[in-house]
PDB file of N, CA and C in Angstrom:
ATOM      1  N   MET A   1       0.839  -1.172   0.000  1.00  0.00           N
ATOM      2  CA  MET A   1       0.000   0.000   0.000  1.00  0.00           C
ATOM      3  C   MET A   1       0.890   1.244   0.000  1.00  0.00           C
ATOM      4  N   SER A   2       0.565   2.164  -0.871  1.00  0.00           N
ATOM      5  CA  SER A   2       1.343   3.390  -0.996  1.00  0.00           C
ATOM      6  C   SER A   2       0.945   4.399   0.071  1.00  0.00           C
ATOM      7  N   ARG A   3       1.934   5.064   0.614  1.00  0.00           N
ATOM      8  CA  ARG A   3       1.667   6.100   1.614  1.00  0.00           C
ATOM      9  C   ARG A   3       1.449   7.461   0.956  1.00  0.00           C
ATOM     10  N   GLY A   4       1.604   7.530  -0.348  1.00  0.00           N
ATOM     11  CA  GLY A   4       1.420   8.799  -1.029  1.00  0.00           C
ATOM     12  C   GLY A   4       2.673   9.652  -1.102  1.00  0.00           C
ATOM     13  N   TYR A   5       3.804   9.108  -0.689  1.00  0.00           N
ATOM     14  CA  TYR A   5       5.052   9.862  -0.741  1.00  0.00           C
ATOM     15  C   TYR A   5       5.761   9.587  -2.061  1.00  0.00           C
ATOM     16  N   HIS A   6       6.359  10.608  -2.594  1.00  0.00           N
ATOM     17  CA  HIS A   6       7.153  10.438  -3.809  1.00  0.00           C
ATOM     18  C   HIS A   6       8.622  10.502  -3.419  1.00  0.00           C
ATOM     19  N   THR A   7       9.348   9.462  -3.739  1.00  0.00           N
ATOM     20  CA  THR A   7      10.780   9.496  -3.467  1.00  0.00           C
ATOM     21  C   THR A   7      11.539  10.033  -4.673  1.00  0.00           C
ATOM     22  N   SER A   8      10.936   9.924  -5.841  1.00  0.00           N
ATOM     23  CA  SER A   8      11.508  10.511  -7.051  1.00  0.00           C
ATOM     24  C   SER A   8      10.406  10.623  -8.094  1.00  0.00           C
ATOM     25  N   TRP A   9      10.608  11.548  -8.992  1.00  0.00           N
ATOM     26  CA  TRP A   9       9.641  11.752 -10.056  1.00  0.00           C
ATOM     27  C   TRP A   9      10.178  11.127 -11.330  1.00  0.00           C
ATOM     28  N   ALA A  10       9.316  10.418 -12.025  1.00  0.00           N
ATOM     29  CA  ALA A  10       9.686   9.861 -13.318  1.00  0.00           C
ATOM     30  C   ALA A  10       9.483  10.954 -14.363  1.00  0.00           C
ATOM     31  N   ILE A  11      10.546  11.300 -15.055  1.00  0.00           N
ATOM     32  CA  ILE A  11      10.474  12.343 -16.072  1.00  0.00           C
ATOM     33  C   ILE A  11      10.542  11.669 -17.433  1.00  0.00           C
ATOM     34  N   PRO A  12       9.498  11.839 -18.234  1.00  0.00           N
ATOM     35  CA  PRO A  12       9.486  11.209 -19.558  1.00  0.00           C
ATOM     36  C   PRO A  12      10.671  11.671 -20.408  1.00  0.00           C
ATOM     37  N   GLU A  13      11.195  10.782 -21.210  1.00  0.00           N
ATOM     38  CA  GLU A  13      12.362  11.081 -22.044  1.00  0.00           C
ATOM     39  C   GLU A  13      12.131  12.277 -22.955  1.00  0.00           C
ATOM     40  N   GLU A  14      10.908  12.427 -23.484  1.00  0.00           N
ATOM     41  CA  GLU A  14      10.659  13.552 -24.391  1.00  0.00           C
ATOM     42  C   GLU A  14      10.783  14.895 -23.670  1.00  0.00           C
ATOM     43  N   HIS A  15      10.556  14.908 -22.373  1.00  0.00           N
ATOM     44  CA  HIS A  15      10.731  16.142 -21.604  1.00  0.00           C
ATOM     45  C   HIS A  15      12.212  16.435 -21.383  1.00  0.00           C
ATOM     46  N   ARG A  16      12.997  15.392 -21.189  1.00  0.00           N
ATOM     47  CA  ARG A  16      14.430  15.578 -20.953  1.00  0.00           C
ATOM     48  C   ARG A  16      15.138  16.207 -22.155  1.00  0.00           C
ATOM     49  N   ALA A  17      14.592  15.989 -23.345  1.00  0.00           N
ATOM     50  CA  ALA A  17      15.194  16.538 -24.559  1.00  0.00           C
ATOM     51  C   ALA A  17      14.661  17.929 -24.892  1.00  0.00           C
ATOM     52  N   ASP A  18      13.670  18.390 -24.167  1.00  0.00           N
ATOM     53  CA  ASP A  18      13.072  19.700 -24.418  1.00  0.00           C
ATOM     54  C   ASP A  18      14.083  20.798 -24.077  1.00  0.00           C
ATOM     55  N   PRO A  19      14.316  21.750 -24.990  1.00  0.00           N
ATOM     56  CA  PRO A  19      15.285  22.823 -24.722  1.00  0.00           C
ATOM     57  C   PRO A  19      14.988  23.608 -23.444  1.00  0.00           C
ATOM     58  N   ALA A  20      13.730  23.822 -23.131  1.00  0.00           N
ATOM     59  CA  ALA A  20      13.382  24.557 -21.907  1.00  0.00           C
ATOM     60  C   ALA A  20      13.783  23.760 -20.667  1.00  0.00           C
ATOM     61  N   TYR A  21      13.624  22.450 -20.718  1.00  0.00           N
ATOM     62  CA  TYR A  21      14.012  21.582 -19.603  1.00  0.00           C
ATOM     63  C   TYR A  21      15.532  21.630 -19.417  1.00  0.00           C
ATOM     64  N   ILE A  22      16.249  21.560 -20.522  1.00  0.00           N
ATOM     65  CA  ILE A  22      17.714  21.590 -20.474  1.00  0.00           C
ATOM     66  C   ILE A  22      18.200  22.943 -19.952  1.00  0.00           C
ATOM     67  N   GLU A  23      17.577  24.035 -20.417  1.00  0.00           N
ATOM     68  CA  GLU A  23      17.951  25.376 -19.955  1.00  0.00           C
ATOM     69  C   GLU A  23      17.676  25.543 -18.464  1.00  0.00           C
ATOM     70  N   ALA A  24      16.540  25.028 -18.015  1.00  0.00           N
ATOM     71  CA  ALA A  24      16.211  25.114 -16.582  1.00  0.00           C
ATOM     72  C   ALA A  24      17.234  24.342 -15.759  1.00  0.00           C
ATOM     73  N   GLY A  25      17.647  23.181 -16.251  1.00  0.00           N
ATOM     74  CA  GLY A  25      18.660  22.394 -15.548  1.00  0.00           C
ATOM     75  C   GLY A  25      19.982  23.136 -15.443  1.00  0.00           C
ATOM     76  N   ALA A  26      20.351  23.849 -16.506  1.00  0.00           N
ATOM     77  CA  ALA A  26      21.590  24.631 -16.490  1.00  0.00           C
ATOM     78  C   ALA A  26      21.494  25.778 -15.490  1.00  0.00           C
ATOM     79  N   ALA A  27      20.338  26.436 -15.436  1.00  0.00           N
ATOM     80  CA  ALA A  27      20.148  27.541 -14.488  1.00  0.00           C
ATOM     81  C   ALA A  27      20.215  27.035 -13.054  1.00  0.00           C
ATOM     82  N   ILE A  28      19.643  25.870 -12.805  1.00  0.00           N
ATOM     83  CA  ILE A  28      19.684  25.282 -11.461  1.00  0.00           C
ATOM     84  C   ILE A  28      21.117  24.889 -11.097  1.00  0.00           C
ATOM     85  N   ALA A  29      21.846  24.321 -12.051  1.00  0.00           N
ATOM     86  CA  ALA A  29      23.243  23.940 -11.795  1.00  0.00           C
ATOM     87  C   ALA A  29      24.087  25.170 -11.465  1.00  0.00           C
ATOM     88  N   LEU A  30      23.882  26.263 -12.198  1.00  0.00           N
ATOM     89  CA  LEU A  30      24.621  27.488 -11.906  1.00  0.00           C
ATOM     90  C   LEU A  30      24.255  28.018 -10.530  1.00  0.00           C
ATOM     91  N   GLY A  31      22.972  28.041 -10.226  1.00  0.00           N
ATOM     92  CA  GLY A  31      22.527  28.531  -8.918  1.00  0.00           C
ATOM     93  C   GLY A  31      23.144  27.753  -7.777  1.00  0.00           C
ATOM     94  N   GLN A  32      23.205  26.443  -7.925  1.00  0.00           N
ATOM     95  CA  GLN A  32      23.800  25.609  -6.882  1.00  0.00           C
ATOM     96  C   GLN A  32      25.292  25.888  -6.753  1.00  0.00           C
ATOM     97  N   ALA A  33      25.964  26.088  -7.891  1.00  0.00           N
ATOM     98  CA  ALA A  33      27.404  26.380  -7.859  1.00  0.00           C
ATOM     99  C   ALA A  33      27.678  27.723  -7.180  1.00  0.00           C
ATOM    100  N   VAL A  34      26.850  28.727  -7.461  1.00  0.00           N
ATOM    101  CA  VAL A  34      27.013  30.035  -6.816  1.00  0.00           C
ATOM    102  C   VAL A  34      26.807  29.886  -5.316  1.00  0.00           C
ATOM    103  N   TYR A  35      25.745  29.200  -4.932  1.00  0.00           N
ATOM    104  CA  TYR A  35      25.450  28.991  -3.511  1.00  0.00           C
ATOM    105  C   TYR A  35      26.605  28.254  -2.822  1.00  0.00           C
ATOM    106  N   ASP A  36      27.070  27.162  -3.429  1.00  0.00           N
ATOM    107  CA  ASP A  36      28.150  26.369  -2.828  1.00  0.00           C
ATOM    108  C   ASP A  36      29.414  27.202  -2.628  1.00  0.00           C
ATOM    109  N   ARG A  37      29.788  27.978  -3.641  1.00  0.00           N
ATOM    110  CA  ARG A  37      31.007  28.785  -3.530  1.00  0.00           C
ATOM    111  C   ARG A  37      30.828  29.898  -2.497  1.00  0.00           C
ATOM    112  N   ARG A  38      29.651  30.520  -2.496  1.00  0.00           N
ATOM    113  CA  ARG A  38      29.387  31.578  -1.510  1.00  0.00           C
ATOM    114  C   ARG A  38      29.482  31.023  -0.100  1.00  0.00           C
ATOM    115  N   MET A  39      28.936  29.840   0.115  1.00  0.00           N
ATOM    116  CA  MET A  39      28.985  29.219   1.444  1.00  0.00           C
ATOM    117  C   MET A  39      30.424  28.869   1.815  1.00  0.00           C
ATOM    118  N   SER A  40      31.213  28.392   0.843  1.00  0.00           N
ATOM    119  CA  SER A  40      32.606  28.041   1.154  1.00  0.00           C
ATOM    120  C   SER A  40      33.421  29.286   1.506  1.00  0.00           C
ATOM    121  N   LEU A  41      33.019  30.435   0.993  1.00  0.00           N
ATOM    122  CA  LEU A  41      33.685  31.691   1.349  1.00  0.00           C
ATOM    123  C   LEU A  41      33.169  32.260   2.667  1.00  0.00           C
ATOM    124  N   GLY A  42      32.048  31.743   3.128  1.00  0.00           N
ATOM    125  CA  GLY A  42      31.470  32.220   4.381  1.00  0.00           C
ATOM    126  C   GLY A  42      30.840  33.600   4.270  1.00  0.00           C
ATOM    127  N   ILE A  43      30.308  33.915   3.101  1.00  0.00           N
ATOM    128  CA  ILE A  43      29.670  35.222   2.927  1.00  0.00           C
ATOM    129  C   ILE A  43      28.168  35.045   2.715  1.00  0.00           C
ATOM    130  N   ASP A  44      27.423  36.083   3.051  1.00  0.00           N
ATOM    131  CA  ASP A  44      25.972  36.014   2.870  1.00  0.00           C
ATOM    132  C   ASP A  44      25.587  36.617   1.516  1.00  0.00           C
ATOM    133  N   GLN A  45      24.294  36.525   1.197  1.00  0.00           N
ATOM    134  CA  GLN A  45      23.825  37.032  -0.089  1.00  0.00           C
ATOM    135  C   GLN A  45      24.065  38.535  -0.222  1.00  0.00           C
ATOM    136  N   ALA A  46      23.921  39.269   0.868  1.00  0.00           N
ATOM    137  CA  ALA A  46      24.135  40.720   0.819  1.00  0.00           C
ATOM    138  C   ALA A  46      25.582  41.047   0.439  1.00  0.00           C
ATOM    139  N   SER A  47      26.527  40.295   0.978  1.00  0.00           N
ATOM    140  CA  SER A  47      27.939  40.523   0.645  1.00  0.00           C
ATOM    141  C   SER A  47      28.213  40.215  -0.820  1.00  0.00           C
ATOM    142  N   LEU A  48      27.641  39.116  -1.311  1.00  0.00           N
ATOM    143  CA  LEU A  48      27.831  38.782  -2.722  1.00  0.00           C
ATOM    144  C   LEU A  48      27.154  39.824  -3.609  1.00  0.00           C
ATOM    145  N   ALA A  49      26.002  40.294  -3.193  1.00  0.00           N
ATOM    146  CA  ALA A  49      25.314  41.340  -3.953  1.00  0.00           C
ATOM    147  C   ALA A  49      26.185  42.591  -4.044  1.00  0.00           C
ATOM    148  N   GLU A  50      26.809  42.955  -2.942  1.00  0.00           N
ATOM    149  CA  GLU A  50      27.688  44.128  -2.925  1.00  0.00           C
ATOM    150  C   GLU A  50      28.887  43.923  -3.844  1.00  0.00           C
ATOM    151  N   ARG A  51      29.465  42.734  -3.817  1.00  0.00           N
ATOM    152  CA  ARG A  51      30.632  42.438  -4.659  1.00  0.00           C
ATOM    153  C   ARG A  51      30.292  42.466  -6.147  1.00  0.00           C
ATOM    154  N   THR A  52      29.053  42.090  -6.488  1.00  0.00           N
ATOM    155  CA  THR A  52      28.662  41.989  -7.897  1.00  0.00           C
ATOM    156  C   THR A  52      27.931  43.212  -8.422  1.00  0.00           C
ATOM    157  N   GLY A  53      27.426  44.046  -7.517  1.00  0.00           N
ATOM    158  CA  GLY A  53      26.616  45.174  -7.952  1.00  0.00           C
ATOM    159  C   GLY A  53      25.170  44.789  -8.227  1.00  0.00           C
ATOM    160  N   LEU A  54      24.798  43.585  -7.816  1.00  0.00           N
ATOM    161  CA  LEU A  54      23.419  43.115  -7.968  1.00  0.00           C
ATOM    162  C   LEU A  54      22.662  43.350  -6.668  1.00  0.00           C
ATOM    163  N   SER A  55      21.363  43.154  -6.711  1.00  0.00           N
ATOM    164  CA  SER A  55      20.565  43.234  -5.486  1.00  0.00           C
ATOM    165  C   SER A  55      20.548  41.867  -4.808  1.00  0.00           C
ATOM    166  N   THR A  56      20.195  41.841  -3.537  1.00  0.00           N
ATOM    167  CA  THR A  56      20.077  40.549  -2.847  1.00  0.00           C
ATOM    168  C   THR A  56      18.967  39.720  -3.481  1.00  0.00           C
ATOM    169  N   GLU A  57      17.937  40.375  -4.005  1.00  0.00           N
ATOM    170  CA  GLU A  57      16.863  39.653  -4.693  1.00  0.00           C
ATOM    171  C   GLU A  57      17.396  38.969  -5.950  1.00  0.00           C
ATOM    172  N   ASP A  58      18.291  39.657  -6.670  1.00  0.00           N
ATOM    173  CA  ASP A  58      18.906  39.060  -7.861  1.00  0.00           C
ATOM    174  C   ASP A  58      19.741  37.839  -7.483  1.00  0.00           C
ATOM    175  N   ILE A  59      20.504  37.945  -6.403  1.00  0.00           N
ATOM    176  CA  ILE A  59      21.328  36.817  -5.951  1.00  0.00           C
ATOM    177  C   ILE A  59      20.434  35.654  -5.542  1.00  0.00           C
ATOM    178  N   ASP A  60      19.372  35.936  -4.817  1.00  0.00           N
ATOM    179  CA  ASP A  60      18.439  34.895  -4.394  1.00  0.00           C
ATOM    180  C   ASP A  60      17.820  34.200  -5.607  1.00  0.00           C
ATOM    181  N   ARG A  61      17.410  34.970  -6.594  1.00  0.00           N
ATOM    182  CA  ARG A  61      16.816  34.407  -7.810  1.00  0.00           C
ATOM    183  C   ARG A  61      17.843  33.555  -8.552  1.00  0.00           C
ATOM    184  N   LEU A  62      19.066  34.049  -8.644  1.00  0.00           N
ATOM    185  CA  LEU A  62      20.138  33.326  -9.323  1.00  0.00           C
ATOM    186  C   LEU A  62      20.418  31.996  -8.632  1.00  0.00           C
ATOM    187  N   GLU A  63      20.555  32.019  -7.310  1.00  0.00           N
ATOM    188  CA  GLU A  63      20.831  30.792  -6.558  1.00  0.00           C
ATOM    189  C   GLU A  63      19.662  29.813  -6.618  1.00  0.00           C
ATOM    190  N   GLY A  64      18.472  30.318  -6.835  1.00  0.00           N
ATOM    191  CA  GLY A  64      17.297  29.457  -6.940  1.00  0.00           C
ATOM    192  C   GLY A  64      17.082  28.894  -8.331  1.00  0.00           C
ATOM    193  N   GLY A  65      17.971  29.217  -9.257  1.00  0.00           N
ATOM    194  CA  GLY A  65      17.850  28.702 -10.617  1.00  0.00           C
ATOM    195  C   GLY A  65      16.869  29.482 -11.468  1.00  0.00           C
ATOM    196  N   GLY A  66      16.532  30.690 -11.044  1.00  0.00           N
ATOM    197  CA  GLY A  66      15.545  31.478 -11.763  1.00  0.00           C
ATOM    198  C   GLY A  66      16.113  32.447 -12.776  1.00  0.00           C
ATOM    199  N   THR A  67      17.398  32.335 -13.074  1.00  0.00           N
ATOM    200  CA  THR A  67      18.043  33.263 -13.997  1.00  0.00           C
ATOM    201  C   THR A  67      18.943  32.500 -14.956  1.00  0.00           C
ATOM    202  N   VAL A  68      18.833  32.835 -16.227  1.00  0.00           N
ATOM    203  CA  VAL A  68      19.791  32.345 -17.213  1.00  0.00           C
ATOM    204  C   VAL A  68      20.711  33.532 -17.492  1.00  0.00           C
ATOM    205  N   PRO A  69      21.948  33.472 -16.997  1.00  0.00           N
ATOM    206  CA  PRO A  69      22.828  34.644 -17.028  1.00  0.00           C
ATOM    207  C   PRO A  69      23.490  34.887 -18.379  1.00  0.00           C
ATOM    208  N   THR A  70      23.976  36.100 -18.519  1.00  0.00           N
ATOM    209  CA  THR A  70      24.767  36.484 -19.681  1.00  0.00           C
ATOM    210  C   THR A  70      26.239  36.188 -19.393  1.00  0.00           C
ATOM    211  N   LEU A  71      27.049  36.215 -20.424  1.00  0.00           N
ATOM    212  CA  LEU A  71      28.489  36.007 -20.220  1.00  0.00           C
ATOM    213  C   LEU A  71      29.103  37.078 -19.325  1.00  0.00           C
ATOM    214  N   PRO A  72      28.746  38.363 -19.482  1.00  0.00           N
ATOM    215  CA  PRO A  72      29.307  39.358 -18.553  1.00  0.00           C
ATOM    216  C   PRO A  72      28.935  39.072 -17.096  1.00  0.00           C
ATOM    217  N   LEU A  73      27.718  38.602 -16.848  1.00  0.00           N
ATOM    218  CA  LEU A  73      27.329  38.274 -15.474  1.00  0.00           C
ATOM    219  C   LEU A  73      28.146  37.098 -14.950  1.00  0.00           C
ATOM    220  N   LEU A  74      28.388  36.102 -15.783  1.00  0.00           N
ATOM    221  CA  LEU A  74      29.209  34.960 -15.357  1.00  0.00           C
ATOM    222  C   LEU A  74      30.612  35.427 -14.975  1.00  0.00           C
ATOM    223  N   ARG A  75      31.162  36.337 -15.758  1.00  0.00           N
ATOM    224  CA  ARG A  75      32.497  36.876 -15.459  1.00  0.00           C
ATOM    225  C   ARG A  75      32.476  37.647 -14.135  1.00  0.00           C
ATOM    226  N   THR A  76      31.432  38.431 -13.925  1.00  0.00           N
ATOM    227  CA  THR A  76      31.284  39.192 -12.681  1.00  0.00           C
ATOM    228  C   THR A  76      31.187  38.258 -11.485  1.00  0.00           C
ATOM    229  N   LEU A  77      30.406  37.187 -11.630  1.00  0.00           N
ATOM    230  CA  LEU A  77      30.263  36.219 -10.539  1.00  0.00           C
ATOM    231  C   LEU A  77      31.595  35.548 -10.220  1.00  0.00           C
ATOM    232  N   ALA A  78      32.318  35.135 -11.254  1.00  0.00           N
ATOM    233  CA  ALA A  78      33.608  34.477 -11.034  1.00  0.00           C
ATOM    234  C   ALA A  78      34.563  35.401 -10.286  1.00  0.00           C
ATOM    235  N   LYS A  79      34.597  36.663 -10.682  1.00  0.00           N
ATOM    236  CA  LYS A  79      35.475  37.625 -10.007  1.00  0.00           C
ATOM    237  C   LYS A  79      35.041  37.826  -8.559  1.00  0.00           C
ATOM    238  N   ALA A  80      33.740  38.004  -8.343  1.00  0.00           N
ATOM    239  CA  ALA A  80      33.224  38.244  -6.992  1.00  0.00           C
ATOM    240  C   ALA A  80      33.429  37.042  -6.080  1.00  0.00           C
ATOM    241  N   LEU A  81      33.425  35.850  -6.669  1.00  0.00           N
ATOM    242  CA  LEU A  81      33.590  34.628  -5.883  1.00  0.00           C
ATOM    243  C   LEU A  81      35.045  34.162  -5.855  1.00  0.00           C
ATOM    244  N   ASP A  82      35.957  34.984  -6.387  1.00  0.00           N
ATOM    245  CA  ASP A  82      37.390  34.698  -6.400  1.00  0.00           C
ATOM    246  C   ASP A  82      37.665  33.283  -6.900  1.00  0.00           C
ATOM    247  N   ALA A  83      37.120  33.007  -8.089  1.00  0.00           N
ATOM    248  CA  ALA A  83      37.241  31.659  -8.637  1.00  0.00           C
ATOM    249  C   ALA A  83      37.122  31.697 -10.154  1.00  0.00           C
ATOM    250  N   ALA A  84      37.581  30.627 -10.769  1.00  0.00           N
ATOM    251  CA  ALA A  84      37.350  30.428 -12.197  1.00  0.00           C
ATOM    252  C   ALA A  84      36.047  29.654 -12.344  1.00  0.00           C
ATOM    253  N   LEU A  85      35.296  29.974 -13.362  1.00  0.00           N
ATOM    254  CA  LEU A  85      34.038  29.283 -13.617  1.00  0.00           C
ATOM    255  C   LEU A  85      34.298  28.134 -14.571  1.00  0.00           C
ATOM    256  N   ASP A  86      33.923  26.942 -14.167  1.00  0.00           N
ATOM    257  CA  ASP A  86      34.101  25.744 -14.980  1.00  0.00           C
ATOM    258  C   ASP A  86      32.722  25.246 -15.385  1.00  0.00           C
ATOM    259  N   VAL A  87      32.449  25.238 -16.695  1.00  0.00           N
ATOM    260  CA  VAL A  87      31.150  24.802 -17.208  1.00  0.00           C
ATOM    261  C   VAL A  87      31.379  23.678 -18.199  1.00  0.00           C
ATOM    262  N   SER A  88      30.644  22.599 -18.022  1.00  0.00           N
ATOM    263  CA  SER A  88      30.694  21.471 -18.939  1.00  0.00           C
ATOM    264  C   SER A  88      29.284  21.248 -19.471  1.00  0.00           C
ATOM    265  N   ILE A  89      29.132  21.404 -20.783  1.00  0.00           N
ATOM    266  CA  ILE A  89      27.818  21.256 -21.400  1.00  0.00           C
ATOM    267  C   ILE A  89      27.823  20.008 -22.260  1.00  0.00           C
ATOM    268  N   ASP A  90      26.900  19.122 -21.958  1.00  0.00           N
ATOM    269  CA  ASP A  90      26.720  17.899 -22.722  1.00  0.00           C
ATOM    270  C   ASP A  90      25.353  17.987 -23.383  1.00  0.00           C
ATOM    271  N   THR A  91      24.967  16.967 -24.088  1.00  0.00           N
ATOM    272  CA  THR A  91      23.693  16.974 -24.797  1.00  0.00           C
ATOM    273  C   THR A  91      22.526  17.314 -23.895  1.00  0.00           C
ATOM    274  N   GLU A  92      22.428  16.668 -22.758  1.00  0.00           N
ATOM    275  CA  GLU A  92      21.275  16.857 -21.883  1.00  0.00           C
ATOM    276  C   GLU A  92      21.651  17.281 -20.466  1.00  0.00           C
ATOM    277  N   GLU A  93      22.910  17.580 -20.231  1.00  0.00           N
ATOM    278  CA  GLU A  93      23.330  17.905 -18.870  1.00  0.00           C
ATOM    279  C   GLU A  93      24.352  19.034 -18.888  1.00  0.00           C
ATOM    280  N   THR A  94      24.250  19.889 -17.896  1.00  0.00           N
ATOM    281  CA  THR A  94      25.220  20.966 -17.713  1.00  0.00           C
ATOM    282  C   THR A  94      25.778  20.866 -16.307  1.00  0.00           C
ATOM    283  N   ARG A  95      27.099  20.859 -16.197  1.00  0.00           N
ATOM    284  CA  ARG A  95      27.756  20.843 -14.891  1.00  0.00           C
ATOM    285  C   ARG A  95      28.487  22.172 -14.723  1.00  0.00           C
ATOM    286  N   VAL A  96      28.315  22.758 -13.558  1.00  0.00           N
ATOM    287  CA  VAL A  96      28.890  24.075 -13.285  1.00  0.00           C
ATOM    288  C   VAL A  96      29.598  24.031 -11.941  1.00  0.00           C
ATOM    289  N   SER A  97      30.790  24.608 -11.884  1.00  0.00           N
ATOM    290  CA  SER A  97      31.476  24.731 -10.597  1.00  0.00           C
ATOM    291  C   SER A  97      32.389  25.955 -10.639  1.00  0.00           C
ATOM    292  N   PHE A  98      32.635  26.487  -9.461  1.00  0.00           N
ATOM    293  CA  PHE A  98      33.587  27.575  -9.305  1.00  0.00           C
ATOM    294  C   PHE A  98      34.833  26.975  -8.678  1.00  0.00           C
ATOM    295  N   VAL A  99      35.961  27.131  -9.356  1.00  0.00           N
ATOM    296  CA  VAL A  99      37.228  26.580  -8.893  1.00  0.00           C
ATOM    297  C   VAL A  99      38.032  27.718  -8.275  1.00  0.00           C
ATOM    298  N   PRO A 100      38.294  27.639  -6.962  1.00  0.00           N
ATOM    299  CA  PRO A 100      39.022  28.722  -6.290  1.00  0.00           C
ATOM    300  C   PRO A 100      40.382  28.963  -6.935  1.00  0.00           C
ATOM    301  N   HIS A 101      40.767  30.237  -6.992  1.00  0.00           N
ATOM    302  CA  HIS A 101      42.100  30.580  -7.486  1.00  0.00           C
ATOM    303  C   HIS A 101      43.138  30.096  -6.478  1.00  0.00           C
ATOM    304  N   ALA A 102      44.296  29.706  -6.980  1.00  0.00           N
ATOM    305  CA  ALA A 102      45.379  29.271  -6.097  1.00  0.00           C
ATOM    306  C   ALA A 102      45.825  30.447  -5.237  1.00  0.00           C
ATOM    307  N   ALA A 103      46.144  30.143  -4.001  1.00  0.00           N
ATOM    308  CA  ALA A 103      46.550  31.201  -3.052  1.00  0.00           C
ATOM    309  C   ALA A 103      47.911  31.740  -3.366  1.00  0.00           C
TER     310      ALA A 103
END
């Protein structure tokens, strides 16, 4: 008997190939990478907003995967997070990470 809990969602293959689905996945991957790097630096959203010239609302939206950034914004984020941006784009998956600069 099912308790009504979902442990995972089955996503049909035709949805995985949809450009909007792929773009959303890339935005979420970037948001997670920004959040992870910000946390490793021990700074809050307000500090990152100040470093980038964005608002805290913009940072929150970005970390939540709600923004598909431009190349200038990616460069600004990398500088503000004192890291190189590493992006790997495959057919259906995008991996994003910020690699700290050597000390």
